[in-house]
Amino acid sequence: MEHLSEELIIEILKRITRTSDLNSLSLVSKQLYSIDAEQRATIRLDCGLATEAFPALCSRFPNLLKVEIDYSGWTSGNGSQIDNQCLLFFSSCCTLLNDLTLSFCSNISDPGIACLTYCKKLMSLRLNSIPELTSSGLLLLAVGCKALSSVYLNDCKGIAGSTEWLEHLGANGSLEELAVKNCKGIGQYHFLKFGSGWMKLQKFEYENEQGFWSFFHRDRDPSYKADTYRYDLLCESLKDLRLAHLVTEPEGPEIGLRFLLGKCKALERLCLEYVSGLIDKE
């Protein structure tokens, strides 16, 4: 291998897709180890990651573009999870990052999420079951990550109260995809605060946390405030729409996200699941 040019080695590495194979190949020689570290663009980390090894891992792969950290199935026997300090080190090392997924990271809170503002090229962010995340952390993220075009939030129980983060994302106008699923503190009426952000949005998904049986109680969405919202929002770029577990009223002012159905002129894909209260004309 030492007789091969660096360009040819890079081409060979690009054709190897399995992480385990890349790891094995990088141990063959110092040259391969160095080139692999420079060229590695994607990495996935799970419960087997030792926290003390995380800084060395970040330092070795400074050019990462896409990272997934998944602690699903984690138990105390797996050791400690990465925390805010780890995320600070990660963000300062991997400044080229444009795609990040964090799942079941129970030690990550607002200060850690705020560290992602060092990643100025971050475009896609998926936060799945991050219990300590609040609206304050999302606001810091929205202010600092101007390049964000895709945001996915799922089962983040701590988000409640202020919608300033959503207003800021809307005013920034860079989002093309927004998905919020099973986040108790984010109601359907909060999305009216997204404002002009609807103009560029191409994909929107909202699933309420409440289960099917709660529809029989017809509880009013706690995010609803009478005579507060206007529905003259433009969403003509929206191509993909999914609404699930919503209660709307066929008569009266409480219409919520159903207003989207009459405004999405470019719609190509529609999915409605357990949306109670829609009528034929909509």
C-alpha atoms as a PDB file:
ATOM      1  CA  MET A   1       0.000   0.000   0.000  1.00  0.00           C
ATOM      2  CA  GLU A   2       2.902   2.357   0.655  1.00  0.00           C
ATOM      3  CA  HIS A   3       3.604   2.464  -3.099  1.00  0.00           C
ATOM      4  CA  LEU A   4       0.130   3.798  -3.920  1.00  0.00           C
ATOM      5  CA  SER A   5      -0.431   7.501  -4.423  1.00  0.00           C
ATOM      6  CA  GLU A   6      -2.470   9.389  -1.828  1.00  0.00           C
ATOM      7  CA  GLU A   7      -5.092  10.214  -4.478  1.00  0.00           C
ATOM      8  CA  LEU A   8      -5.621   6.524  -5.231  1.00  0.00           C
ATOM      9  CA  ILE A   9      -5.835   5.637  -1.534  1.00  0.00           C
ATOM     10  CA  ILE A  10      -8.475   8.329  -1.037  1.00  0.00           C
ATOM     11  CA  GLU A  11     -10.451   6.874  -3.947  1.00  0.00           C
ATOM     12  CA  ILE A  12     -10.253   3.412  -2.392  1.00  0.00           C
ATOM     13  CA  LEU A  13     -11.421   4.696   1.001  1.00  0.00           C
ATOM     14  CA  LYS A  14     -14.404   6.443  -0.598  1.00  0.00           C
ATOM     15  CA  ARG A  15     -15.620   3.088  -1.921  1.00  0.00           C
ATOM     16  CA  ILE A  16     -15.581   1.431   1.500  1.00  0.00           C
ATOM     17  CA  THR A  17     -18.898   2.088   3.237  1.00  0.00           C
ATOM     18  CA  ARG A  18     -18.780  -0.117   6.338  1.00  0.00           C
ATOM     19  CA  THR A  19     -17.310   1.634   9.381  1.00  0.00           C
ATOM     20  CA  SER A  20     -15.826  -1.602  10.720  1.00  0.00           C
ATOM     21  CA  ASP A  21     -13.929  -2.120   7.449  1.00  0.00           C
ATOM     22  CA  LEU A  22     -12.587   1.427   7.519  1.00  0.00           C
ATOM     23  CA  ASN A  23     -11.449   1.000  11.112  1.00  0.00           C
ATOM     24  CA  SER A  24      -9.632  -2.224  10.265  1.00  0.00           C
ATOM     25  CA  LEU A  25      -8.017  -0.775   7.162  1.00  0.00           C
ATOM     26  CA  SER A  26      -6.759   2.302   9.042  1.00  0.00           C
ATOM     27  CA  LEU A  27      -4.697   0.004  11.294  1.00  0.00           C
ATOM     28  CA  VAL A  28      -2.669  -1.377   8.391  1.00  0.00           C
ATOM     29  CA  SER A  29      -0.274   1.573   8.261  1.00  0.00           C
ATOM     30  CA  LYS A  30       0.305   5.060   9.614  1.00  0.00           C
ATOM     31  CA  GLN A  31      -0.365   6.468   6.159  1.00  0.00           C
ATOM     32  CA  LEU A  32      -3.794   4.839   5.961  1.00  0.00           C
ATOM     33  CA  TYR A  33      -4.566   5.875   9.520  1.00  0.00           C
ATOM     34  CA  SER A  34      -3.766   9.498   8.741  1.00  0.00           C
ATOM     35  CA  ILE A  35      -5.615   9.625   5.417  1.00  0.00           C
ATOM     36  CA  ASP A  36      -8.683   7.906   6.859  1.00  0.00           C
ATOM     37  CA  ALA A  37      -8.793  10.443   9.706  1.00  0.00           C
ATOM     38  CA  GLU A  38      -8.714  13.331   7.243  1.00  0.00           C
ATOM     39  CA  GLN A  39     -11.263  11.847   4.820  1.00  0.00           C
ATOM     40  CA  ARG A  40     -13.823  10.334   7.206  1.00  0.00           C
ATOM     41  CA  ALA A  41     -17.033  12.345   6.733  1.00  0.00           C
ATOM     42  CA  THR A  42     -19.633  10.197   8.523  1.00  0.00           C
ATOM     43  CA  ILE A  43     -19.620   8.401  11.854  1.00  0.00           C
ATOM     44  CA  ARG A  44     -22.204   6.719  14.094  1.00  0.00           C
ATOM     45  CA  LEU A  45     -21.647   6.278  17.845  1.00  0.00           C
ATOM     46  CA  ASP A  46     -23.738   4.196  20.246  1.00  0.00           C
ATOM     47  CA  CYS A  47     -23.744   2.758  23.779  1.00  0.00           C
ATOM     48  CA  GLY A  48     -20.350   1.153  23.224  1.00  0.00           C
ATOM     49  CA  LEU A  49     -18.641   4.548  23.166  1.00  0.00           C
ATOM     50  CA  ALA A  50     -16.531   5.171  26.253  1.00  0.00           C
ATOM     51  CA  THR A  51     -16.925   8.774  27.383  1.00  0.00           C
ATOM     52  CA  GLU A  52     -13.218   9.146  28.111  1.00  0.00           C
ATOM     53  CA  ALA A  53     -12.453   8.161  24.498  1.00  0.00           C
ATOM     54  CA  PHE A  54     -14.784  10.803  23.037  1.00  0.00           C
ATOM     55  CA  PRO A  55     -12.281  13.729  22.961  1.00  0.00           C
ATOM     56  CA  ALA A  56      -9.657  11.600  21.195  1.00  0.00           C
ATOM     57  CA  LEU A  57     -12.268  10.492  18.670  1.00  0.00           C
ATOM     58  CA  CYS A  58     -13.252  14.082  17.905  1.00  0.00           C
ATOM     59  CA  SER A  59      -9.617  15.123  17.522  1.00  0.00           C
ATOM     60  CA  ARG A  60      -8.919  12.254  15.150  1.00  0.00           C
ATOM     61  CA  PHE A  61     -11.794  13.078  12.770  1.00  0.00           C
ATOM     62  CA  PRO A  62     -11.876  16.899  12.463  1.00  0.00           C
ATOM     63  CA  ASN A  63     -13.542  16.882   9.018  1.00  0.00           C
ATOM     64  CA  LEU A  64     -16.731  15.052   9.943  1.00  0.00           C
ATOM     65  CA  LEU A  65     -19.824  16.207   8.076  1.00  0.00           C
ATOM     66  CA  LYS A  66     -22.468  13.837   9.442  1.00  0.00           C
ATOM     67  CA  VAL A  67     -22.601  12.410  12.990  1.00  0.00           C
ATOM     68  CA  GLU A  68     -25.178  10.252  14.755  1.00  0.00           C
ATOM     69  CA  ILE A  69     -24.966   9.619  18.512  1.00  0.00           C
ATOM     70  CA  ASP A  70     -27.549   7.083  19.680  1.00  0.00           C
ATOM     71  CA  TYR A  71     -27.907   5.854  23.265  1.00  0.00           C
ATOM     72  CA  SER A  72     -31.104   3.856  22.754  1.00  0.00           C
ATOM     73  CA  GLY A  73     -30.980   0.724  24.898  1.00  0.00           C
ATOM     74  CA  TRP A  74     -28.419   2.303  27.211  1.00  0.00           C
ATOM     75  CA  THR A  75     -28.065   0.973  30.766  1.00  0.00           C
ATOM     76  CA  SER A  76     -25.777   1.980  33.616  1.00  0.00           C
ATOM     77  CA  GLY A  77     -23.648  -1.026  32.776  1.00  0.00           C
ATOM     78  CA  ASN A  78     -22.641   0.661  29.513  1.00  0.00           C
ATOM     79  CA  GLY A  79     -20.788   3.383  31.412  1.00  0.00           C
ATOM     80  CA  SER A  80     -21.518   7.101  31.378  1.00  0.00           C
ATOM     81  CA  GLN A  81     -23.030   9.025  28.480  1.00  0.00           C
ATOM     82  CA  ILE A  82     -21.531  12.070  26.821  1.00  0.00           C
ATOM     83  CA  ASP A  83     -22.431  15.337  28.581  1.00  0.00           C
ATOM     84  CA  ASN A  84     -22.403  19.065  27.848  1.00  0.00           C
ATOM     85  CA  GLN A  85     -18.621  19.266  28.206  1.00  0.00           C
ATOM     86  CA  CYS A  86     -18.184  16.515  25.626  1.00  0.00           C
ATOM     87  CA  LEU A  87     -20.499  18.335  23.244  1.00  0.00           C
ATOM     88  CA  LEU A  88     -18.492  21.530  23.708  1.00  0.00           C
ATOM     89  CA  PHE A  89     -15.282  19.735  22.758  1.00  0.00           C
ATOM     90  CA  PHE A  90     -17.024  18.047  19.837  1.00  0.00           C
ATOM     91  CA  SER A  91     -18.432  21.326  18.493  1.00  0.00           C
ATOM     92  CA  SER A  92     -15.088  23.102  18.701  1.00  0.00           C
ATOM     93  CA  CYS A  93     -13.287  20.281  16.868  1.00  0.00           C
ATOM     94  CA  CYS A  94     -15.819  19.390  14.166  1.00  0.00           C
ATOM     95  CA  THR A  95     -16.613  22.845  12.806  1.00  0.00           C
ATOM     96  CA  LEU A  96     -17.455  21.488   9.312  1.00  0.00           C
ATOM     97  CA  LEU A  97     -20.392  19.468  10.650  1.00  0.00           C
ATOM     98  CA  ASN A  98     -23.625  19.910   8.685  1.00  0.00           C
ATOM     99  CA  ASP A  99     -25.768  16.954   9.839  1.00  0.00           C
ATOM    100  CA  LEU A 100     -26.214  15.868  13.481  1.00  0.00           C
ATOM    101  CA  THR A 101     -28.519  13.387  15.218  1.00  0.00           C
ATOM    102  CA  LEU A 102     -28.669  13.048  19.006  1.00  0.00           C
ATOM    103  CA  SER A 103     -30.868  10.269  20.419  1.00  0.00           C
ATOM    104  CA  PHE A 104     -31.599   9.370  24.041  1.00  0.00           C
ATOM    105  CA  CYS A 105     -28.784  11.571  25.371  1.00  0.00           C
ATOM    106  CA  SER A 106     -29.986  12.094  28.946  1.00  0.00           C
ATOM    107  CA  ASN A 107     -26.915  14.101  30.046  1.00  0.00           C
ATOM    108  CA  ILE A 108     -27.280  16.755  27.350  1.00  0.00           C
ATOM    109  CA  SER A 109     -29.097  19.955  28.361  1.00  0.00           C
ATOM    110  CA  ASP A 110     -29.406  23.549  27.147  1.00  0.00           C
ATOM    111  CA  PRO A 111     -25.714  24.537  27.660  1.00  0.00           C
ATOM    112  CA  GLY A 112     -24.635  21.545  25.575  1.00  0.00           C
ATOM    113  CA  ILE A 113     -27.099  22.298  22.798  1.00  0.00           C
ATOM    114  CA  ALA A 114     -25.900  25.913  22.835  1.00  0.00           C
ATOM    115  CA  CYS A 115     -22.388  24.653  22.033  1.00  0.00           C
ATOM    116  CA  LEU A 116     -23.641  23.598  18.604  1.00  0.00           C
ATOM    117  CA  THR A 117     -23.587  27.260  17.619  1.00  0.00           C
ATOM    118  CA  TYR A 118     -19.861  26.747  16.972  1.00  0.00           C
ATOM    119  CA  CYS A 119     -20.930  24.587  14.014  1.00  0.00           C
ATOM    120  CA  LYS A 120     -21.758  27.423  11.639  1.00  0.00           C
ATOM    121  CA  LYS A 121     -22.361  25.019   8.748  1.00  0.00           C
ATOM    122  CA  LEU A 122     -24.931  22.922  10.619  1.00  0.00           C
ATOM    123  CA  MET A 123     -27.923  22.422   8.313  1.00  0.00           C
ATOM    124  CA  SER A 124     -29.758  19.355   9.615  1.00  0.00           C
ATOM    125  CA  LEU A 125     -30.450  18.645  13.296  1.00  0.00           C
ATOM    126  CA  ARG A 126     -32.421  15.732  14.746  1.00  0.00           C
ATOM    127  CA  LEU A 127     -33.043  15.658  18.506  1.00  0.00           C
ATOM    128  CA  ASN A 128     -34.748  12.479  19.651  1.00  0.00           C
ATOM    129  CA  SER A 129     -35.680  12.004  23.307  1.00  0.00           C
ATOM    130  CA  ILE A 130     -33.485  14.693  24.887  1.00  0.00           C
ATOM    131  CA  PRO A 131     -35.364  15.165  28.193  1.00  0.00           C
ATOM    132  CA  GLU A 132     -33.329  18.116  29.536  1.00  0.00           C
ATOM    133  CA  LEU A 133     -33.764  20.285  26.434  1.00  0.00           C
ATOM    134  CA  THR A 134     -35.956  23.377  26.982  1.00  0.00           C
ATOM    135  CA  SER A 135     -37.202  26.321  24.953  1.00  0.00           C
ATOM    136  CA  SER A 136     -34.180  28.338  26.114  1.00  0.00           C
ATOM    137  CA  GLY A 137     -31.767  25.875  24.529  1.00  0.00           C
ATOM    138  CA  LEU A 138     -33.735  25.903  21.275  1.00  0.00           C
ATOM    139  CA  LEU A 139     -33.639  29.704  21.204  1.00  0.00           C
ATOM    140  CA  LEU A 140     -29.849  29.758  21.593  1.00  0.00           C
ATOM    141  CA  LEU A 141     -29.641  27.215  18.785  1.00  0.00           C
ATOM    142  CA  ALA A 142     -31.961  29.180  16.508  1.00  0.00           C
ATOM    143  CA  VAL A 143     -29.993  32.388  17.053  1.00  0.00           C
ATOM    144  CA  GLY A 144     -26.556  30.839  16.569  1.00  0.00           C
ATOM    145  CA  CYS A 145     -27.122  28.314  13.748  1.00  0.00           C
ATOM    146  CA  LYS A 146     -28.128  30.491  10.808  1.00  0.00           C
ATOM    147  CA  ALA A 147     -27.648  27.719   8.220  1.00  0.00           C
ATOM    148  CA  LEU A 148     -30.270  25.358   9.664  1.00  0.00           C
ATOM    149  CA  SER A 149     -32.595  24.066   6.951  1.00  0.00           C
ATOM    150  CA  SER A 150     -33.992  20.958   8.680  1.00  0.00           C
ATOM    151  CA  VAL A 151     -35.074  20.526  12.326  1.00  0.00           C
ATOM    152  CA  TYR A 152     -36.581  17.359  13.809  1.00  0.00           C
ATOM    153  CA  LEU A 153     -37.767  17.179  17.429  1.00  0.00           C
ATOM    154  CA  ASN A 154     -39.189  14.001  18.914  1.00  0.00           C
ATOM    155  CA  ASP A 155     -40.190  13.160  22.478  1.00  0.00           C
ATOM    156  CA  CYS A 156     -38.471  16.173  24.038  1.00  0.00           C
ATOM    157  CA  LYS A 157     -40.561  16.564  27.185  1.00  0.00           C
ATOM    158  CA  GLY A 158     -38.831  19.636  28.593  1.00  0.00           C
ATOM    159  CA  ILE A 159     -39.835  22.069  25.820  1.00  0.00           C
ATOM    160  CA  ALA A 160     -42.615  24.305  27.119  1.00  0.00           C
ATOM    161  CA  GLY A 161     -43.617  27.902  27.563  1.00  0.00           C
ATOM    162  CA  SER A 162     -41.860  30.403  25.315  1.00  0.00           C
ATOM    163  CA  THR A 163     -42.195  30.094  21.529  1.00  0.00           C
ATOM    164  CA  GLU A 164     -39.453  32.635  20.880  1.00  0.00           C
ATOM    165  CA  TRP A 165     -37.253  29.922  19.337  1.00  0.00           C
ATOM    166  CA  LEU A 166     -39.980  29.165  16.792  1.00  0.00           C
ATOM    167  CA  GLU A 167     -40.509  32.848  16.028  1.00  0.00           C
ATOM    168  CA  HIS A 168     -36.766  33.303  15.482  1.00  0.00           C
ATOM    169  CA  LEU A 169     -36.537  30.307  13.136  1.00  0.00           C
ATOM    170  CA  GLY A 170     -39.463  31.722  11.177  1.00  0.00           C
ATOM    171  CA  ALA A 171     -37.938  35.190  10.955  1.00  0.00           C
ATOM    172  CA  ASN A 172     -34.621  33.712   9.820  1.00  0.00           C
ATOM    173  CA  GLY A 173     -36.489  31.995   6.985  1.00  0.00           C
ATOM    174  CA  SER A 174     -33.934  29.258   6.286  1.00  0.00           C
ATOM    175  CA  LEU A 175     -35.955  26.180   7.296  1.00  0.00           C
ATOM    176  CA  GLU A 176     -37.167  23.873   4.535  1.00  0.00           C
ATOM    177  CA  GLU A 177     -38.126  20.957   6.800  1.00  0.00           C
ATOM    178  CA  LEU A 178     -39.681  21.050  10.273  1.00  0.00           C
ATOM    179  CA  ALA A 179     -40.943  18.031  12.209  1.00  0.00           C
ATOM    180  CA  VAL A 180     -42.234  18.006  15.795  1.00  0.00           C
ATOM    181  CA  LYS A 181     -43.492  14.749  17.281  1.00  0.00           C
ATOM    182  CA  ASN A 182     -44.673  13.912  20.784  1.00  0.00           C
ATOM    183  CA  CYS A 183     -43.355  17.079  22.435  1.00  0.00           C
ATOM    184  CA  LYS A 184     -45.895  17.798  25.160  1.00  0.00           C
ATOM    185  CA  GLY A 185     -45.129  21.503  25.477  1.00  0.00           C
ATOM    186  CA  ILE A 186     -45.530  22.311  21.760  1.00  0.00           C
ATOM    187  CA  GLY A 187     -49.162  22.667  20.697  1.00  0.00           C
ATOM    188  CA  GLN A 188     -50.567  23.094  17.216  1.00  0.00           C
ATOM    189  CA  TYR A 189     -51.335  26.800  17.742  1.00  0.00           C
ATOM    190  CA  HIS A 190     -47.707  27.548  18.591  1.00  0.00           C
ATOM    191  CA  PHE A 191     -46.811  27.033  14.913  1.00  0.00           C
ATOM    192  CA  LEU A 192     -48.771  30.121  13.948  1.00  0.00           C
ATOM    193  CA  LYS A 193     -45.851  32.000  15.526  1.00  0.00           C
ATOM    194  CA  PHE A 194     -43.609  30.563  12.789  1.00  0.00           C
ATOM    195  CA  GLY A 195     -44.853  33.471  10.682  1.00  0.00           C
ATOM    196  CA  SER A 196     -43.002  34.167   7.427  1.00  0.00           C
ATOM    197  CA  GLY A 197     -41.057  30.920   7.872  1.00  0.00           C
ATOM    198  CA  TRP A 198     -43.992  29.116   6.278  1.00  0.00           C
ATOM    199  CA  MET A 199     -43.141  30.709   2.926  1.00  0.00           C
ATOM    200  CA  LYS A 200     -40.002  28.605   2.396  1.00  0.00           C
ATOM    201  CA  LEU A 201     -41.019  25.451   4.276  1.00  0.00           C
ATOM    202  CA  GLN A 202     -41.329  22.419   1.993  1.00  0.00           C
ATOM    203  CA  LYS A 203     -41.944  19.647   4.524  1.00  0.00           C
ATOM    204  CA  PHE A 204     -43.898  19.887   7.777  1.00  0.00           C
ATOM    205  CA  GLU A 205     -44.797  17.154  10.235  1.00  0.00           C
ATOM    206  CA  TYR A 206     -46.632  17.529  13.515  1.00  0.00           C
ATOM    207  CA  GLU A 207     -47.781  14.733  15.778  1.00  0.00           C
ATOM    208  CA  ASN A 208     -49.448  15.536  19.067  1.00  0.00           C
ATOM    209  CA  GLU A 209     -48.305  13.630  22.123  1.00  0.00           C
ATOM    210  CA  GLN A 210     -51.803  12.641  23.208  1.00  0.00           C
ATOM    211  CA  GLY A 211     -53.004   9.154  22.352  1.00  0.00           C
ATOM    212  CA  PHE A 212     -56.072   8.066  20.416  1.00  0.00           C
ATOM    213  CA  TRP A 213     -58.377   7.666  23.428  1.00  0.00           C
ATOM    214  CA  SER A 214     -57.955  11.279  24.502  1.00  0.00           C
ATOM    215  CA  PHE A 215     -59.971  12.352  21.454  1.00  0.00           C
ATOM    216  CA  PHE A 216     -63.130  11.176  23.128  1.00  0.00           C
ATOM    217  CA  HIS A 217     -62.584  13.830  25.797  1.00  0.00           C
ATOM    218  CA  ARG A 218     -62.249  16.606  23.188  1.00  0.00           C
ATOM    219  CA  ASP A 219     -59.863  18.591  25.381  1.00  0.00           C
ATOM    220  CA  ARG A 220     -58.941  22.014  24.113  1.00  0.00           C
ATOM    221  CA  ASP A 221     -55.316  22.388  23.063  1.00  0.00           C
ATOM    222  CA  PRO A 222     -53.560  24.307  25.903  1.00  0.00           C
ATOM    223  CA  SER A 223     -51.672  26.362  23.290  1.00  0.00           C
ATOM    224  CA  TYR A 224     -54.980  27.846  22.039  1.00  0.00           C
ATOM    225  CA  LYS A 225     -55.814  31.456  22.902  1.00  0.00           C
ATOM    226  CA  ALA A 226     -59.032  32.930  21.600  1.00  0.00           C
ATOM    227  CA  ASP A 227     -58.808  35.929  19.243  1.00  0.00           C
ATOM    228  CA  THR A 228     -55.013  35.858  19.326  1.00  0.00           C
ATOM    229  CA  TYR A 229     -53.962  34.369  16.002  1.00  0.00           C
ATOM    230  CA  ARG A 230     -54.275  35.303  12.341  1.00  0.00           C
ATOM    231  CA  TYR A 231     -54.312  32.708   9.596  1.00  0.00           C
ATOM    232  CA  ASP A 232     -53.186  34.788   6.618  1.00  0.00           C
ATOM    233  CA  LEU A 233     -49.885  32.883   6.441  1.00  0.00           C
ATOM    234  CA  LEU A 234     -48.343  31.867   3.129  1.00  0.00           C
ATOM    235  CA  CYS A 235     -47.246  28.237   2.726  1.00  0.00           C
ATOM    236  CA  GLU A 236     -47.324  27.815  -1.037  1.00  0.00           C
ATOM    237  CA  SER A 237     -43.961  26.002  -1.093  1.00  0.00           C
ATOM    238  CA  LEU A 238     -45.177  23.179   1.165  1.00  0.00           C
ATOM    239  CA  LYS A 239     -44.971  19.851  -0.685  1.00  0.00           C
ATOM    240  CA  ASP A 240     -45.074  17.282   2.132  1.00  0.00           C
ATOM    241  CA  LEU A 241     -47.540  17.559   5.030  1.00  0.00           C
ATOM    242  CA  ARG A 242     -48.277  15.136   7.854  1.00  0.00           C
ATOM    243  CA  LEU A 243     -50.644  15.871  10.746  1.00  0.00           C
ATOM    244  CA  ALA A 244     -51.383  13.283  13.432  1.00  0.00           C
ATOM    245  CA  HIS A 245     -53.393  13.151  16.655  1.00  0.00           C
ATOM    246  CA  LEU A 246     -55.079  16.547  16.339  1.00  0.00           C
ATOM    247  CA  VAL A 247     -58.466  17.720  17.589  1.00  0.00           C
ATOM    248  CA  THR A 248     -60.030  20.583  15.633  1.00  0.00           C
ATOM    249  CA  GLU A 249     -63.507  22.142  15.667  1.00  0.00           C
ATOM    250  CA  PRO A 250     -65.626  22.032  12.470  1.00  0.00           C
ATOM    251  CA  GLU A 251     -67.458  25.163  13.624  1.00  0.00           C
ATOM    252  CA  GLY A 252     -66.216  28.253  15.416  1.00  0.00           C
ATOM    253  CA  PRO A 253     -62.804  29.971  15.643  1.00  0.00           C
ATOM    254  CA  GLU A 254     -60.682  27.053  16.892  1.00  0.00           C
ATOM    255  CA  ILE A 255     -59.210  25.786  13.647  1.00  0.00           C
ATOM    256  CA  GLY A 256     -55.513  25.284  14.410  1.00  0.00           C
ATOM    257  CA  LEU A 257     -53.274  23.653  11.805  1.00  0.00           C
ATOM    258  CA  ARG A 258     -56.214  22.707   9.599  1.00  0.00           C
ATOM    259  CA  PHE A 259     -55.739  26.111   7.937  1.00  0.00           C
ATOM    260  CA  LEU A 260     -52.837  24.524   6.037  1.00  0.00           C
ATOM    261  CA  LEU A 261     -55.159  22.328   3.989  1.00  0.00           C
ATOM    262  CA  GLY A 262     -56.559  25.274   2.061  1.00  0.00           C
ATOM    263  CA  LYS A 263     -53.267  27.040   1.429  1.00  0.00           C
ATOM    264  CA  CYS A 264     -50.759  24.393   0.239  1.00  0.00           C
ATOM    265  CA  LYS A 265     -50.991  24.906  -3.526  1.00  0.00           C
ATOM    266  CA  ALA A 266     -47.808  22.893  -4.260  1.00  0.00           C
ATOM    267  CA  LEU A 267     -48.754  19.917  -2.059  1.00  0.00           C
ATOM    268  CA  GLU A 268     -47.549  16.530  -3.367  1.00  0.00           C
ATOM    269  CA  ARG A 269     -47.865  14.302  -0.315  1.00  0.00           C
ATOM    270  CA  LEU A 270     -50.500  14.451   2.434  1.00  0.00           C
ATOM    271  CA  CYS A 271     -50.852  12.216   5.475  1.00  0.00           C
ATOM    272  CA  LEU A 272     -53.628  12.731   8.053  1.00  0.00           C
ATOM    273  CA  GLU A 273     -53.803  10.364  11.019  1.00  0.00           C
ATOM    274  CA  TYR A 274     -56.490  10.654  13.695  1.00  0.00           C
ATOM    275  CA  VAL A 275     -57.314  14.274  12.871  1.00  0.00           C
ATOM    276  CA  SER A 276     -60.683  14.778  14.516  1.00  0.00           C
ATOM    277  CA  GLY A 277     -63.056  17.507  13.357  1.00  0.00           C
ATOM    278  CA  LEU A 278     -62.263  17.867   9.627  1.00  0.00           C
ATOM    279  CA  ILE A 279     -65.197  18.235   7.275  1.00  0.00           C
ATOM    280  CA  ASP A 280     -65.628  17.358   3.573  1.00  0.00           C
ATOM    281  CA  LYS A 281     -64.969  20.822   2.120  1.00  0.00           C
ATOM    282  CA  GLU A 282     -61.517  20.917   3.688  1.00  0.00           C
END
